[in-house]
Amino acid sequence: MRFLLFVIALCLMAGGAHAKRSSSGIVSFGSEKLHVIAKLPDTAEYNVDGKQLDIGLLYKDYSFMFIPLWQSDKQYVGMTRGDNKSYYAWPSALVEKVSQSAGLKLPPVNEVDLGFWMTYGGKLAFAGVVLVIALMYRRKAKQATEVVA
């Protein structure tokens, strides 16, 4: 039990002060991530400073040991093609206007599919890890009571 508490404390400390900006730590407390939702046509209309724009999704990702557990604060943003680190904060009316002018139909923000791993896989993997730890602890406790008896 002490070992498990030590591992959890170590993981919490390893996240560091930069956890909100990047997902480099073992524990990430809401790092911002970008995901391309729709590629806009390659025309001058969707070009800013020589860079092509796309519509992306900005969201906060909470993870433990690189396993995504929860995503929140989702919003559509403009982002430059090929750059997953910078974005343009667009109001929802502008996102709707740009998507309509490009002939795209965007789903509501909460219904955007981020893929199986981000949506379900991380939660299943985390539940599996917790289950394995619980079974190991139970087995160890059972063996300790058999030795005493």
Protein backbone atom coordinates (compact mmCIF):
# COMPACT_ATOMS: atom_id res chain seq x y z
CA MET A 1 0.00 0.00 0.00
CA ARG A 2 2.85 2.38 0.81
CA PHE A 3 4.39 1.66 -2.57
CA LEU A 4 1.13 2.53 -4.35
CA LEU A 5 0.87 5.84 -2.46
CA PHE A 6 4.52 6.57 -3.30
CA VAL A 7 3.88 5.93 -7.02
CA ILE A 8 0.81 8.18 -7.02
CA ALA A 9 2.68 10.98 -5.23
CA LEU A 10 5.60 10.63 -7.65
CA CYS A 11 3.25 10.85 -10.65
CA LEU A 12 1.57 13.97 -9.28
CA MET A 13 4.92 15.68 -8.76
CA ALA A 14 6.22 14.66 -12.19
CA GLY A 15 3.51 16.65 -13.98
CA GLY A 16 5.36 19.87 -13.23
CA ALA A 17 4.28 23.47 -13.58
CA HIS A 18 3.93 23.21 -17.37
CA ALA A 19 1.08 20.68 -17.29
CA LYS A 20 -1.48 23.26 -18.39
CA ARG A 21 0.53 24.19 -21.48
CA SER A 22 1.72 20.82 -22.65
CA SER A 23 1.01 17.17 -22.08
CA SER A 24 4.64 16.32 -21.35
CA GLY A 25 4.09 15.29 -17.73
CA ILE A 26 2.81 11.99 -16.43
CA VAL A 27 -0.27 13.73 -15.04
CA SER A 28 -1.84 16.42 -17.22
CA PHE A 29 -4.32 18.79 -15.60
CA GLY A 30 -6.07 20.23 -18.63
CA SER A 31 -3.46 20.72 -21.32
CA GLU A 32 -4.77 22.46 -24.43
CA LYS A 33 -4.85 20.38 -27.60
CA LEU A 34 -5.83 21.12 -31.19
CA HIS A 35 -7.49 18.73 -33.59
CA VAL A 36 -8.22 19.48 -37.27
CA ILE A 37 -11.94 19.19 -37.95
CA ALA A 38 -12.29 20.46 -41.52
CA LYS A 39 -9.83 21.48 -44.19
CA LEU A 40 -10.82 24.65 -45.95
CA PRO A 41 -10.32 24.97 -49.74
CA ASP A 42 -6.89 26.09 -50.97
CA THR A 43 -7.98 29.55 -52.08
CA ALA A 44 -6.84 33.09 -51.27
CA GLU A 45 -10.05 33.60 -49.29
CA TYR A 46 -8.81 31.18 -46.60
CA ASN A 47 -5.19 32.31 -46.64
CA VAL A 48 -3.62 34.56 -43.98
CA ASP A 49 -0.02 35.78 -44.28
CA GLY A 50 0.72 33.08 -46.84
CA LYS A 51 -0.59 30.31 -44.56
CA GLN A 52 -3.63 28.20 -45.38
CA LEU A 53 -6.36 28.09 -42.72
CA ASP A 54 -8.43 25.16 -41.48
CA ILE A 55 -11.14 24.77 -38.87
CA GLY A 56 -9.97 23.01 -35.75
CA LEU A 57 -11.20 22.04 -32.32
CA LEU A 58 -9.48 23.41 -29.24
CA TYR A 59 -10.09 21.39 -26.09
CA LYS A 60 -8.58 20.66 -22.70
CA ASP A 61 -7.29 17.14 -22.22
CA TYR A 62 -6.89 15.58 -18.79
CA SER A 63 -4.67 12.51 -18.79
CA PHE A 64 -2.84 10.20 -16.41
CA MET A 65 0.32 8.43 -17.55
CA PHE A 66 -0.38 9.52 -21.14
CA ILE A 67 -3.84 7.89 -21.05
CA PRO A 68 -6.57 10.42 -21.98
CA LEU A 69 -9.31 10.40 -19.35
CA TRP A 70 -11.43 13.47 -20.01
CA GLN A 71 -11.84 16.27 -22.54
CA SER A 72 -13.59 19.56 -21.77
CA ASP A 73 -13.96 23.20 -22.86
CA LYS A 74 -14.35 22.33 -26.54
CA GLN A 75 -14.58 25.15 -29.07
CA TYR A 76 -14.06 25.65 -32.77
CA VAL A 77 -11.05 27.75 -33.75
CA GLY A 78 -9.19 28.73 -36.87
CA MET A 79 -5.77 27.14 -37.24
CA THR A 80 -2.99 27.27 -39.76
CA ARG A 81 -2.52 24.11 -41.79
CA GLY A 82 0.32 21.93 -40.53
CA ASP A 83 0.69 23.82 -37.23
CA ASN A 84 -0.98 22.11 -34.29
CA LYS A 85 0.31 24.62 -31.75
CA SER A 86 -1.20 27.97 -32.74
CA TYR A 87 -4.77 28.95 -33.43
CA TYR A 88 -7.08 31.92 -34.00
CA ALA A 89 -9.90 32.32 -31.47
CA TRP A 90 -12.95 32.81 -33.68
CA PRO A 91 -16.43 33.59 -32.37
CA SER A 92 -18.97 30.88 -33.14
CA ALA A 93 -20.74 33.14 -35.65
CA LEU A 94 -17.52 33.51 -37.66
CA VAL A 95 -16.88 29.76 -37.59
CA GLU A 96 -20.40 29.16 -38.89
CA LYS A 97 -20.01 31.80 -41.61
CA VAL A 98 -16.62 30.41 -42.76
CA SER A 99 -17.88 26.81 -42.79
CA GLN A 100 -20.98 27.78 -44.80
CA SER A 101 -18.96 29.78 -47.32
CA ALA A 102 -16.66 26.76 -47.76
CA GLY A 103 -19.65 24.42 -48.16
CA LEU A 104 -18.92 22.51 -44.95
CA LYS A 105 -21.38 21.32 -42.35
CA LEU A 106 -19.88 21.21 -38.86
CA PRO A 107 -21.46 19.11 -36.11
CA PRO A 108 -22.21 20.72 -32.75
CA VAL A 109 -19.03 21.08 -30.70
CA ASN A 110 -20.01 18.43 -28.13
CA GLU A 111 -20.66 15.85 -30.88
CA VAL A 112 -17.23 16.10 -32.56
CA ASP A 113 -15.57 12.69 -32.79
CA LEU A 114 -11.99 12.78 -31.49
CA GLY A 115 -11.37 9.13 -32.28
CA PHE A 116 -11.82 5.94 -30.29
CA TRP A 117 -8.68 6.32 -28.15
CA MET A 118 -9.54 9.84 -26.95
CA THR A 119 -13.24 9.12 -26.46
CA TYR A 120 -13.35 5.60 -25.00
CA GLY A 121 -10.00 3.81 -25.21
CA GLY A 122 -8.23 5.87 -22.59
CA LYS A 123 -11.01 5.37 -20.08
CA LEU A 124 -11.05 1.62 -20.72
CA ALA A 125 -7.27 1.37 -20.42
CA PHE A 126 -7.29 3.34 -17.17
CA ALA A 127 -10.07 1.13 -15.75
CA GLY A 128 -8.00 -1.93 -16.73
CA VAL A 129 -4.93 -0.58 -14.93
CA VAL A 130 -6.97 0.16 -11.80
CA LEU A 131 -8.53 -3.32 -11.94
CA VAL A 132 -5.13 -5.02 -12.25
CA ILE A 133 -3.76 -3.03 -9.29
CA ALA A 134 -6.84 -3.87 -7.20
CA LEU A 135 -6.56 -7.59 -8.03
CA MET A 136 -2.83 -7.61 -7.21
CA TYR A 137 -3.49 -5.87 -3.89
CA ARG A 138 -6.32 -8.30 -3.07
CA ARG A 139 -4.12 -11.29 -3.89
CA LYS A 140 -1.29 -9.93 -1.76
CA ALA A 141 -3.67 -9.31 1.16
CA LYS A 142 -5.07 -12.84 0.83
CA GLN A 143 -1.56 -14.34 0.85
CA ALA A 144 -0.67 -12.29 3.95
CA THR A 145 -3.71 -13.62 5.83
CA GLU A 146 -2.85 -17.21 4.83
CA VAL A 147 0.68 -16.86 6.19
CA VAL A 148 -0.61 -15.48 9.50
CA ALA A 149 -3.22 -18.25 9.88
